[in-house]
Amino acid sequence: MSSEGASYRDGVRASLPIAATVWFFGVSFGLLARTSGLGAVAPLVMSATTFAGSAQFAAASILGTSGGAVAAITAAVLLNGRYVPISISVARLFHGHRLRRLAEAQLIVDESWALSSRGDGRYARGLLLGAGIVLYAAWVTGTGVGVVFGRALGDPKALGLDGAFPALFLALLIPQLATPRARLAALLGGAIALTLIPFTPAGVPIVAASTACLLGLRGRS
């Protein structure tokens, strides 16, 4: 199937196995946010408007340890900085008036971006948006369940949820390594992150490493 022929339904189907992990991760965030003193409404608003798991976890963790709002916002911005190169790579998929583009761009997350890749530097709009809608719903509803019922579920680490997301990202990465350029970008990103982790604040390594994906922009058709 060509990138142009991929439909929203294809994106929905492709994202369903991943959505289960995203949902449980959302439950973990809801529980963490509630136990960090953010109340019931704030975590739901954050998930609905931010839709970025790692950034939300960082902000909730900082606020839960008596950190200030500035530190929490700074950490979230640093972690979300990786979406700059990601958004550049799919910018041509979005068209229409500004509000439409803004709403659709909300659905760009690591998983929907990876699923929409055609492996040749191109991305399928239907796959990205269809997957994004499902993952957004999973994240927000998971957050709600975590906020309301999280305490009854116990420690997320005991359920293995802390290891689920790294495993998910590894599974998303492997199919993207079909070309030498993709493998080079992955190796370069890993080397950048490993080099910076001991010396820089949380968030900086992943932002710097994400710039390696810009290698894939050269030669795009």
C-alpha atoms as a PDB file:
ATOM      1  CA  MET A   1       0.000   0.000   0.000  1.00  0.00           C
ATOM      2  CA  SER A   2       1.327   3.420  -0.900  1.00  0.00           C
ATOM      3  CA  SER A   3       1.640   6.206   1.636  1.00  0.00           C
ATOM      4  CA  GLU A   4      -1.122   8.053  -0.204  1.00  0.00           C
ATOM      5  CA  GLY A   5      -3.440   5.023  -0.037  1.00  0.00           C
ATOM      6  CA  ALA A   6      -3.117   4.462   3.710  1.00  0.00           C
ATOM      7  CA  SER A   7      -6.381   5.379   5.412  1.00  0.00           C
ATOM      8  CA  TYR A   8      -7.306   6.508   8.899  1.00  0.00           C
ATOM      9  CA  ARG A   9      -8.723   3.025   9.437  1.00  0.00           C
ATOM     10  CA  ASP A  10      -5.305   1.536   8.654  1.00  0.00           C
ATOM     11  CA  GLY A  11      -3.808   3.783  11.318  1.00  0.00           C
ATOM     12  CA  VAL A  12      -6.432   2.721  13.835  1.00  0.00           C
ATOM     13  CA  ARG A  13      -5.770  -0.970  13.193  1.00  0.00           C
ATOM     14  CA  ALA A  14      -2.004  -0.553  13.319  1.00  0.00           C
ATOM     15  CA  SER A  15      -2.135   1.276  16.643  1.00  0.00           C
ATOM     16  CA  LEU A  16      -4.466  -1.036  18.570  1.00  0.00           C
ATOM     17  CA  PRO A  17      -1.720  -3.338  19.974  1.00  0.00           C
ATOM     18  CA  ILE A  18       0.293  -0.297  21.058  1.00  0.00           C
ATOM     19  CA  ALA A  19      -2.748   1.439  22.542  1.00  0.00           C
ATOM     20  CA  ALA A  20      -2.953  -1.161  25.325  1.00  0.00           C
ATOM     21  CA  THR A  21       0.545  -0.253  26.526  1.00  0.00           C
ATOM     22  CA  VAL A  22      -0.191   3.468  26.204  1.00  0.00           C
ATOM     23  CA  TRP A  23      -3.374   3.007  28.230  1.00  0.00           C
ATOM     24  CA  PHE A  24      -1.558   1.273  31.089  1.00  0.00           C
ATOM     25  CA  PHE A  25       1.166   3.908  30.988  1.00  0.00           C
ATOM     26  CA  GLY A  26      -1.567   6.534  31.263  1.00  0.00           C
ATOM     27  CA  VAL A  27      -2.879   4.725  34.328  1.00  0.00           C
ATOM     28  CA  SER A  28       0.606   4.940  35.832  1.00  0.00           C
ATOM     29  CA  PHE A  29       0.751   8.663  35.143  1.00  0.00           C
ATOM     30  CA  GLY A  30      -2.676   9.243  36.671  1.00  0.00           C
ATOM     31  CA  LEU A  31      -1.616   7.406  39.814  1.00  0.00           C
ATOM     32  CA  LEU A  32       1.695   9.264  40.046  1.00  0.00           C
ATOM     33  CA  ALA A  33       0.046  12.631  39.495  1.00  0.00           C
ATOM     34  CA  ARG A  34      -2.607  11.961  42.117  1.00  0.00           C
ATOM     35  CA  THR A  35      -0.087  10.802  44.708  1.00  0.00           C
ATOM     36  CA  SER A  36       2.097  13.832  43.873  1.00  0.00           C
ATOM     37  CA  GLY A  37      -0.658  16.126  45.048  1.00  0.00           C
ATOM     38  CA  LEU A  38      -1.899  17.337  41.655  1.00  0.00           C
ATOM     39  CA  GLY A  39      -5.483  16.434  42.450  1.00  0.00           C
ATOM     40  CA  ALA A  40      -7.947  14.859  40.032  1.00  0.00           C
ATOM     41  CA  VAL A  41      -8.584  17.568  37.457  1.00  0.00           C
ATOM     42  CA  ALA A  42      -5.056  18.788  36.699  1.00  0.00           C
ATOM     43  CA  PRO A  43      -3.723  15.404  35.457  1.00  0.00           C
ATOM     44  CA  LEU A  44      -6.685  15.017  33.114  1.00  0.00           C
ATOM     45  CA  VAL A  45      -6.258  18.531  31.729  1.00  0.00           C
ATOM     46  CA  MET A  46      -2.522  17.923  31.297  1.00  0.00           C
ATOM     47  CA  SER A  47      -3.085  14.668  29.388  1.00  0.00           C
ATOM     48  CA  ALA A  48      -5.770  16.225  27.200  1.00  0.00           C
ATOM     49  CA  THR A  49      -3.682  19.269  26.270  1.00  0.00           C
ATOM     50  CA  THR A  50      -0.093  18.015  26.453  1.00  0.00           C
ATOM     51  CA  PHE A  51      -0.367  14.355  25.365  1.00  0.00           C
ATOM     52  CA  ALA A  52       3.298  13.624  26.033  1.00  0.00           C
ATOM     53  CA  GLY A  53       3.996  10.842  28.485  1.00  0.00           C
ATOM     54  CA  SER A  54       7.660  11.416  29.296  1.00  0.00           C
ATOM     55  CA  ALA A  55       7.193  15.169  29.746  1.00  0.00           C
ATOM     56  CA  GLN A  56       4.143  14.680  31.944  1.00  0.00           C
ATOM     57  CA  PHE A  57       5.904  12.125  34.121  1.00  0.00           C
ATOM     58  CA  ALA A  58       8.859  14.483  34.525  1.00  0.00           C
ATOM     59  CA  ALA A  59       6.639  17.406  35.514  1.00  0.00           C
ATOM     60  CA  ALA A  60       4.596  15.328  37.966  1.00  0.00           C
ATOM     61  CA  SER A  61       7.726  13.832  39.536  1.00  0.00           C
ATOM     62  CA  ILE A  62       9.306  17.253  40.066  1.00  0.00           C
ATOM     63  CA  LEU A  63       6.138  18.724  41.555  1.00  0.00           C
ATOM     64  CA  GLY A  64       5.716  15.640  43.754  1.00  0.00           C
ATOM     65  CA  THR A  65       9.157  16.179  45.288  1.00  0.00           C
ATOM     66  CA  SER A  66       8.412  19.811  46.156  1.00  0.00           C
ATOM     67  CA  GLY A  67      10.051  21.130  43.006  1.00  0.00           C
ATOM     68  CA  GLY A  68       8.930  24.444  41.591  1.00  0.00           C
ATOM     69  CA  ALA A  69       6.683  25.057  38.601  1.00  0.00           C
ATOM     70  CA  VAL A  70       9.566  26.563  36.623  1.00  0.00           C
ATOM     71  CA  ALA A  71      11.662  23.418  37.029  1.00  0.00           C
ATOM     72  CA  ALA A  72       8.710  21.212  36.069  1.00  0.00           C
ATOM     73  CA  ILE A  73       7.908  23.265  32.967  1.00  0.00           C
ATOM     74  CA  THR A  74      11.567  23.419  31.940  1.00  0.00           C
ATOM     75  CA  ALA A  75      11.929  19.634  32.165  1.00  0.00           C
ATOM     76  CA  ALA A  76       8.752  19.116  30.145  1.00  0.00           C
ATOM     77  CA  VAL A  77       9.869  21.559  27.441  1.00  0.00           C
ATOM     78  CA  LEU A  78      13.283  19.912  27.178  1.00  0.00           C
ATOM     79  CA  LEU A  79      11.768  16.461  26.811  1.00  0.00           C
ATOM     80  CA  ASN A  80       9.253  17.667  24.233  1.00  0.00           C
ATOM     81  CA  GLY A  81      11.987  19.384  22.261  1.00  0.00           C
ATOM     82  CA  ARG A  82      12.436  16.141  20.306  1.00  0.00           C
ATOM     83  CA  TYR A  83       9.180  16.916  18.528  1.00  0.00           C
ATOM     84  CA  VAL A  84      10.888  19.723  16.610  1.00  0.00           C
ATOM     85  CA  PRO A  85      12.789  17.395  14.244  1.00  0.00           C
ATOM     86  CA  ILE A  86       9.918  14.904  14.284  1.00  0.00           C
ATOM     87  CA  SER A  87       7.455  17.616  13.232  1.00  0.00           C
ATOM     88  CA  ILE A  88       9.795  18.842  10.504  1.00  0.00           C
ATOM     89  CA  SER A  89       9.850  15.350   9.011  1.00  0.00           C
ATOM     90  CA  VAL A  90       6.034  15.203   8.670  1.00  0.00           C
ATOM     91  CA  ALA A  91       5.223  18.894   8.139  1.00  0.00           C
ATOM     92  CA  ARG A  92       4.214  18.401   4.510  1.00  0.00           C
ATOM     93  CA  LEU A  93       1.370  16.070   5.562  1.00  0.00           C
ATOM     94  CA  PHE A  94      -0.579  18.919   7.164  1.00  0.00           C
ATOM     95  CA  HIS A  95      -2.615  21.393   5.183  1.00  0.00           C
ATOM     96  CA  GLY A  96      -5.716  23.546   5.466  1.00  0.00           C
ATOM     97  CA  HIS A  97      -6.399  26.392   7.870  1.00  0.00           C
ATOM     98  CA  ARG A  98      -4.294  27.022  10.932  1.00  0.00           C
ATOM     99  CA  LEU A  99      -6.698  25.601  13.523  1.00  0.00           C
ATOM    100  CA  ARG A 100      -7.017  22.366  11.583  1.00  0.00           C
ATOM    101  CA  ARG A 101      -3.260  21.974  11.359  1.00  0.00           C
ATOM    102  CA  LEU A 102      -2.913  22.737  15.064  1.00  0.00           C
ATOM    103  CA  ALA A 103      -5.502  20.114  16.016  1.00  0.00           C
ATOM    104  CA  GLU A 104      -3.992  17.452  13.768  1.00  0.00           C
ATOM    105  CA  ALA A 105      -0.456  18.214  14.926  1.00  0.00           C
ATOM    106  CA  GLN A 106      -1.574  17.345  18.470  1.00  0.00           C
ATOM    107  CA  LEU A 107      -1.676  13.732  17.293  1.00  0.00           C
ATOM    108  CA  ILE A 108       2.047  13.617  16.497  1.00  0.00           C
ATOM    109  CA  VAL A 109       3.628  11.413  19.137  1.00  0.00           C
ATOM    110  CA  ASP A 110       6.534   8.995  18.963  1.00  0.00           C
ATOM    111  CA  GLU A 111       4.306   5.992  18.287  1.00  0.00           C
ATOM    112  CA  SER A 112       2.052   7.527  15.618  1.00  0.00           C
ATOM    113  CA  TRP A 113       5.105   8.997  13.902  1.00  0.00           C
ATOM    114  CA  ALA A 114       6.896   5.636  13.860  1.00  0.00           C
ATOM    115  CA  LEU A 115       3.817   3.797  12.595  1.00  0.00           C
ATOM    116  CA  SER A 116       3.318   6.296   9.786  1.00  0.00           C
ATOM    117  CA  SER A 117       6.851   5.848   8.427  1.00  0.00           C
ATOM    118  CA  ARG A 118       6.995   4.147   5.030  1.00  0.00           C
ATOM    119  CA  GLY A 119      10.704   3.362   5.452  1.00  0.00           C
ATOM    120  CA  ASP A 120      11.854   5.549   2.571  1.00  0.00           C
ATOM    121  CA  GLY A 121      11.758   8.977   4.166  1.00  0.00           C
ATOM    122  CA  ARG A 122       8.022   9.358   3.509  1.00  0.00           C
ATOM    123  CA  TYR A 123       5.137   9.278   5.978  1.00  0.00           C
ATOM    124  CA  ALA A 124       1.480   8.353   5.543  1.00  0.00           C
ATOM    125  CA  ARG A 125      -0.998  10.974   6.725  1.00  0.00           C
ATOM    126  CA  GLY A 126      -3.821   8.476   7.280  1.00  0.00           C
ATOM    127  CA  LEU A 127      -1.650   6.203   9.376  1.00  0.00           C
ATOM    128  CA  LEU A 128      -0.338   9.059  11.504  1.00  0.00           C
ATOM    129  CA  LEU A 129      -3.723  10.626  12.243  1.00  0.00           C
ATOM    130  CA  GLY A 130      -5.631   7.356  12.622  1.00  0.00           C
ATOM    131  CA  ALA A 131      -3.042   6.012  15.054  1.00  0.00           C
ATOM    132  CA  GLY A 132      -2.825   9.335  16.862  1.00  0.00           C
ATOM    133  CA  ILE A 133      -6.552   9.425  17.559  1.00  0.00           C
ATOM    134  CA  VAL A 134      -6.525   5.953  19.113  1.00  0.00           C
ATOM    135  CA  LEU A 135      -3.416   6.644  21.178  1.00  0.00           C
ATOM    136  CA  TYR A 136      -4.794   9.978  22.367  1.00  0.00           C
ATOM    137  CA  ALA A 137      -7.989   8.294  23.561  1.00  0.00           C
ATOM    138  CA  ALA A 138      -5.975   5.544  25.275  1.00  0.00           C
ATOM    139  CA  TRP A 139      -3.729   8.058  27.034  1.00  0.00           C
ATOM    140  CA  VAL A 140      -6.522  10.298  28.318  1.00  0.00           C
ATOM    141  CA  THR A 141      -8.790   7.468  29.459  1.00  0.00           C
ATOM    142  CA  GLY A 142      -5.855   5.679  31.080  1.00  0.00           C
ATOM    143  CA  THR A 143      -5.016   8.860  32.974  1.00  0.00           C
ATOM    144  CA  GLY A 144      -8.613   9.049  34.175  1.00  0.00           C
ATOM    145  CA  VAL A 145      -8.569   5.480  35.439  1.00  0.00           C
ATOM    146  CA  GLY A 146      -5.244   6.072  37.177  1.00  0.00           C
ATOM    147  CA  VAL A 147      -6.538   9.189  38.886  1.00  0.00           C
ATOM    148  CA  VAL A 148      -9.741   7.547  40.109  1.00  0.00           C
ATOM    149  CA  PHE A 149      -8.781   3.922  40.691  1.00  0.00           C
ATOM    150  CA  GLY A 150      -4.978   3.927  40.633  1.00  0.00           C
ATOM    151  CA  ARG A 151      -4.504   3.348  44.343  1.00  0.00           C
ATOM    152  CA  ALA A 152      -6.465   0.092  44.102  1.00  0.00           C
ATOM    153  CA  LEU A 153      -4.177  -1.162  41.322  1.00  0.00           C
ATOM    154  CA  GLY A 154      -1.027  -0.998  43.432  1.00  0.00           C
ATOM    155  CA  ASP A 155       2.514  -0.019  42.493  1.00  0.00           C
ATOM    156  CA  PRO A 156       2.943   0.352  38.692  1.00  0.00           C
ATOM    157  CA  LYS A 157       6.505  -1.011  38.990  1.00  0.00           C
ATOM    158  CA  ALA A 158       5.161  -4.186  40.571  1.00  0.00           C
ATOM    159  CA  LEU A 159       3.007  -4.652  37.469  1.00  0.00           C
ATOM    160  CA  GLY A 160       6.019  -4.168  35.189  1.00  0.00           C
ATOM    161  CA  LEU A 161       4.619  -1.001  33.632  1.00  0.00           C
ATOM    162  CA  ASP A 162       7.898   0.872  34.080  1.00  0.00           C
ATOM    163  CA  GLY A 163       9.519  -1.541  31.629  1.00  0.00           C
ATOM    164  CA  ALA A 164       6.660  -1.652  29.154  1.00  0.00           C
ATOM    165  CA  PHE A 165       7.352   1.671  27.479  1.00  0.00           C
ATOM    166  CA  PRO A 166      11.067   1.117  26.809  1.00  0.00           C
ATOM    167  CA  ALA A 167      10.149  -2.255  25.317  1.00  0.00           C
ATOM    168  CA  LEU A 168       7.495  -0.570  23.174  1.00  0.00           C
ATOM    169  CA  PHE A 169       9.937   1.997  21.807  1.00  0.00           C
ATOM    170  CA  LEU A 170      12.436  -0.767  20.995  1.00  0.00           C
ATOM    171  CA  ALA A 171       9.722  -2.615  19.082  1.00  0.00           C
ATOM    172  CA  LEU A 172       8.914   0.578  17.164  1.00  0.00           C
ATOM    173  CA  LEU A 173      12.577   1.193  16.376  1.00  0.00           C
ATOM    174  CA  ILE A 174      13.468  -2.185  14.884  1.00  0.00           C
ATOM    175  CA  PRO A 175      11.258  -1.930  11.748  1.00  0.00           C
ATOM    176  CA  GLN A 176      12.744   1.516  11.022  1.00  0.00           C
ATOM    177  CA  LEU A 177      16.288   0.140  10.625  1.00  0.00           C
ATOM    178  CA  ALA A 178      15.891  -1.154   7.084  1.00  0.00           C
ATOM    179  CA  THR A 179      18.324   1.286   5.443  1.00  0.00           C
ATOM    180  CA  PRO A 180      21.942   2.210   6.182  1.00  0.00           C
ATOM    181  CA  ARG A 181      20.905   5.847   6.756  1.00  0.00           C
ATOM    182  CA  ALA A 182      18.317   4.781   9.345  1.00  0.00           C
ATOM    183  CA  ARG A 183      20.824   2.578  11.149  1.00  0.00           C
ATOM    184  CA  LEU A 184      23.354   5.399  11.147  1.00  0.00           C
ATOM    185  CA  ALA A 185      20.775   7.796  12.615  1.00  0.00           C
ATOM    186  CA  ALA A 186      19.868   5.280  15.339  1.00  0.00           C
ATOM    187  CA  LEU A 187      23.502   4.652  16.274  1.00  0.00           C
ATOM    188  CA  LEU A 188      24.299   8.358  16.270  1.00  0.00           C
ATOM    189  CA  GLY A 189      21.264   9.140  18.433  1.00  0.00           C
ATOM    190  CA  GLY A 190      22.206   6.437  20.926  1.00  0.00           C
ATOM    191  CA  ALA A 191      25.809   7.651  21.076  1.00  0.00           C
ATOM    192  CA  ILE A 192      24.699  11.248  21.658  1.00  0.00           C
ATOM    193  CA  ALA A 193      22.346  10.261  24.472  1.00  0.00           C
ATOM    194  CA  LEU A 194      24.861   7.990  26.212  1.00  0.00           C
ATOM    195  CA  THR A 195      27.525  10.697  26.027  1.00  0.00           C
ATOM    196  CA  LEU A 196      25.329  13.422  27.495  1.00  0.00           C
ATOM    197  CA  ILE A 197      23.464  11.506  30.219  1.00  0.00           C
ATOM    198  CA  PRO A 198      26.234  11.808  32.868  1.00  0.00           C
ATOM    199  CA  PHE A 199      26.765  15.535  32.310  1.00  0.00           C
ATOM    200  CA  THR A 200      23.465  17.204  31.422  1.00  0.00           C
ATOM    201  CA  PRO A 201      20.059  17.688  33.060  1.00  0.00           C
ATOM    202  CA  ALA A 202      17.216  15.282  32.362  1.00  0.00           C
ATOM    203  CA  GLY A 203      15.698  15.935  28.980  1.00  0.00           C
ATOM    204  CA  VAL A 204      18.784  17.344  27.276  1.00  0.00           C
ATOM    205  CA  PRO A 205      20.170  13.963  26.067  1.00  0.00           C
ATOM    206  CA  ILE A 206      16.932  12.913  24.385  1.00  0.00           C
ATOM    207  CA  VAL A 207      16.519  16.306  22.696  1.00  0.00           C
ATOM    208  CA  ALA A 208      20.076  16.261  21.399  1.00  0.00           C
ATOM    209  CA  ALA A 209      19.773  12.635  20.286  1.00  0.00           C
ATOM    210  CA  SER A 210      16.554  13.317  18.401  1.00  0.00           C
ATOM    211  CA  THR A 211      18.386  15.669  16.051  1.00  0.00           C
ATOM    212  CA  ALA A 212      20.017  12.594  14.551  1.00  0.00           C
ATOM    213  CA  CYS A 213      16.724  11.784  12.821  1.00  0.00           C
ATOM    214  CA  LEU A 214      17.292  14.829  10.607  1.00  0.00           C
ATOM    215  CA  LEU A 215      19.703  12.609   8.670  1.00  0.00           C
ATOM    216  CA  GLY A 216      16.646  10.969   7.186  1.00  0.00           C
ATOM    217  CA  LEU A 217      15.400  14.217   5.680  1.00  0.00           C
ATOM    218  CA  ARG A 218      18.171  14.399   3.087  1.00  0.00           C
ATOM    219  CA  GLY A 219      17.150  12.743  -0.071  1.00  0.00           C
ATOM    220  CA  ARG A 220      13.453  12.620   0.719  1.00  0.00           C
ATOM    221  CA  SER A 221      11.223  12.440  -2.307  1.00  0.00           C
END
